[in-house]
Amino acid sequence: MNKKELVDRIAVSADVSKAKATRILDAFTEAVATTMANGDKLSLIGFGTFETRKRDSRIGRNPQTGQVINIPAANVPVFKAGKALKDAVN
């Protein structure tokens, strides 16, 4: 499913226009991104939790040349599925 298909499904489920469903989805993704960028986590009970984790710097190798490179530390986004979502999938 892509964004357009998700917008169509939201519009039908919430009985709103596609334009309003697009604004709703954009507002949700912006809120998640902003929350995670601030280092906070967002929990949706039953669905899951969005958070960031710190990945330490490490040494890697260029697979083509074998040259050793330094991979810098980074914050990575993480999603942990909730019980209701896991049950729905299984």
C-alpha atoms as a PDB file:
ATOM      1  CA  MET A   1       0.000   0.000   0.000  1.00  0.00           C
ATOM      2  CA  ASN A   2       1.295   3.457  -0.844  1.00  0.00           C
ATOM      3  CA  LYS A   3       0.333   6.899   0.497  1.00  0.00           C
ATOM      4  CA  LYS A   4      -2.436   7.459  -2.078  1.00  0.00           C
ATOM      5  CA  GLU A   5      -4.063   4.124  -1.245  1.00  0.00           C
ATOM      6  CA  LEU A   6      -3.799   4.864   2.481  1.00  0.00           C
ATOM      7  CA  VAL A   7      -5.397   8.290   1.978  1.00  0.00           C
ATOM      8  CA  ASP A   8      -8.236   6.648   0.023  1.00  0.00           C
ATOM      9  CA  ARG A   9      -8.810   4.128   2.827  1.00  0.00           C
ATOM     10  CA  ILE A  10      -8.748   6.834   5.527  1.00  0.00           C
ATOM     11  CA  ALA A  11     -11.209   8.961   3.524  1.00  0.00           C
ATOM     12  CA  VAL A  12     -13.668   6.064   3.248  1.00  0.00           C
ATOM     13  CA  SER A  13     -13.261   4.883   6.862  1.00  0.00           C
ATOM     14  CA  ALA A  14     -13.544   8.363   8.412  1.00  0.00           C
ATOM     15  CA  ASP A  15     -16.158   9.575   5.893  1.00  0.00           C
ATOM     16  CA  VAL A  16     -14.090  12.640   4.960  1.00  0.00           C
ATOM     17  CA  SER A  17     -12.818  14.039   1.674  1.00  0.00           C
ATOM     18  CA  LYS A  18      -9.543  12.822   0.223  1.00  0.00           C
ATOM     19  CA  ALA A  19      -8.055  16.291   0.692  1.00  0.00           C
ATOM     20  CA  LYS A  20      -8.911  16.254   4.399  1.00  0.00           C
ATOM     21  CA  ALA A  21      -7.625  12.668   4.746  1.00  0.00           C
ATOM     22  CA  THR A  22      -4.338  13.789   3.155  1.00  0.00           C
ATOM     23  CA  ARG A  23      -4.025  16.657   5.655  1.00  0.00           C
ATOM     24  CA  ILE A  24      -4.776  14.267   8.523  1.00  0.00           C
ATOM     25  CA  LEU A  25      -2.125  11.775   7.386  1.00  0.00           C
ATOM     26  CA  ASP A  26       0.439  14.560   6.809  1.00  0.00           C
ATOM     27  CA  ALA A  27      -0.271  15.987  10.280  1.00  0.00           C
ATOM     28  CA  PHE A  28       0.178  12.538  11.837  1.00  0.00           C
ATOM     29  CA  THR A  29       3.492  11.837  10.095  1.00  0.00           C
ATOM     30  CA  GLU A  30       4.761  15.329  10.962  1.00  0.00           C
ATOM     31  CA  ALA A  31       3.794  14.840  14.621  1.00  0.00           C
ATOM     32  CA  VAL A  32       5.588  11.478  14.752  1.00  0.00           C
ATOM     33  CA  ALA A  33       8.719  12.882  13.085  1.00  0.00           C
ATOM     34  CA  THR A  34       8.810  15.960  15.334  1.00  0.00           C
ATOM     35  CA  THR A  35       8.311  13.892  18.472  1.00  0.00           C
ATOM     36  CA  MET A  36      11.084  11.492  17.503  1.00  0.00           C
ATOM     37  CA  ALA A  37      13.426  14.332  16.462  1.00  0.00           C
ATOM     38  CA  ASN A  38      13.019  15.794  19.961  1.00  0.00           C
ATOM     39  CA  GLY A  39      14.111  12.470  21.450  1.00  0.00           C
ATOM     40  CA  ASP A  40      10.653  11.669  22.832  1.00  0.00           C
ATOM     41  CA  LYS A  41       8.606   8.569  22.160  1.00  0.00           C
ATOM     42  CA  LEU A  42       5.043   8.285  20.919  1.00  0.00           C
ATOM     43  CA  SER A  43       2.926   5.407  22.214  1.00  0.00           C
ATOM     44  CA  LEU A  44      -0.338   4.386  20.610  1.00  0.00           C
ATOM     45  CA  ILE A  45      -1.803   1.785  22.968  1.00  0.00           C
ATOM     46  CA  GLY A  46      -2.487  -1.437  21.088  1.00  0.00           C
ATOM     47  CA  PHE A  47      -0.802  -0.247  17.897  1.00  0.00           C
ATOM     48  CA  GLY A  48       2.800   0.380  18.881  1.00  0.00           C
ATOM     49  CA  THR A  49       5.518   2.770  19.945  1.00  0.00           C
ATOM     50  CA  PHE A  50       7.653   5.091  17.820  1.00  0.00           C
ATOM     51  CA  GLU A  51      10.989   6.105  19.345  1.00  0.00           C
ATOM     52  CA  THR A  52      14.616   6.834  18.533  1.00  0.00           C
ATOM     53  CA  ARG A  53      17.660   4.942  19.692  1.00  0.00           C
ATOM     54  CA  LYS A  54      21.269   6.043  19.670  1.00  0.00           C
ATOM     55  CA  ARG A  55      23.597   3.969  17.513  1.00  0.00           C
ATOM     56  CA  ASP A  56      27.253   4.330  18.530  1.00  0.00           C
ATOM     57  CA  SER A  57      29.961   5.040  15.999  1.00  0.00           C
ATOM     58  CA  ARG A  58      31.709   1.965  14.678  1.00  0.00           C
ATOM     59  CA  ILE A  59      34.320   0.783  12.230  1.00  0.00           C
ATOM     60  CA  GLY A  60      33.176  -0.692   8.933  1.00  0.00           C
ATOM     61  CA  ARG A  61      34.667  -1.765   5.647  1.00  0.00           C
ATOM     62  CA  ASN A  62      33.957  -0.664   2.120  1.00  0.00           C
ATOM     63  CA  PRO A  63      32.838  -3.953   0.486  1.00  0.00           C
ATOM     64  CA  GLN A  64      34.343  -3.014  -2.879  1.00  0.00           C
ATOM     65  CA  THR A  65      37.803  -1.950  -1.729  1.00  0.00           C
ATOM     66  CA  GLY A  66      38.083  -3.440   1.757  1.00  0.00           C
ATOM     67  CA  GLN A  67      39.127  -0.004   3.021  1.00  0.00           C
ATOM     68  CA  VAL A  68      38.374   0.630   6.710  1.00  0.00           C
ATOM     69  CA  ILE A  69      35.904   3.479   7.245  1.00  0.00           C
ATOM     70  CA  ASN A  70      34.473   5.152  10.319  1.00  0.00           C
ATOM     71  CA  ILE A  71      30.668   5.023  10.519  1.00  0.00           C
ATOM     72  CA  PRO A  72      29.535   7.972  12.676  1.00  0.00           C
ATOM     73  CA  ALA A  73      27.080   7.733  15.579  1.00  0.00           C
ATOM     74  CA  ALA A  74      23.453   8.327  14.659  1.00  0.00           C
ATOM     75  CA  ASN A  75      19.956   8.407  16.057  1.00  0.00           C
ATOM     76  CA  VAL A  76      17.801   5.784  14.343  1.00  0.00           C
ATOM     77  CA  PRO A  77      14.009   5.580  14.268  1.00  0.00           C
ATOM     78  CA  VAL A  78      12.480   2.453  15.808  1.00  0.00           C
ATOM     79  CA  PHE A  79       8.915   1.114  15.769  1.00  0.00           C
ATOM     80  CA  LYS A  80       7.859  -1.557  18.235  1.00  0.00           C
ATOM     81  CA  ALA A  81       4.523  -3.176  17.421  1.00  0.00           C
ATOM     82  CA  GLY A  82       1.910  -3.426  20.184  1.00  0.00           C
ATOM     83  CA  LYS A  83       0.059  -6.582  21.188  1.00  0.00           C
ATOM     84  CA  ALA A  84      -3.154  -5.725  19.304  1.00  0.00           C
ATOM     85  CA  LEU A  85      -1.214  -5.125  16.075  1.00  0.00           C
ATOM     86  CA  LYS A  86       0.755  -8.358  16.511  1.00  0.00           C
ATOM     87  CA  ASP A  87      -2.494 -10.265  17.134  1.00  0.00           C
ATOM     88  CA  ALA A  88      -4.143  -8.676  14.069  1.00  0.00           C
ATOM     89  CA  VAL A  89      -1.232  -9.691  11.841  1.00  0.00           C
ATOM     90  CA  ASN A  90      -1.131 -13.237  13.145  1.00  0.00           C
END
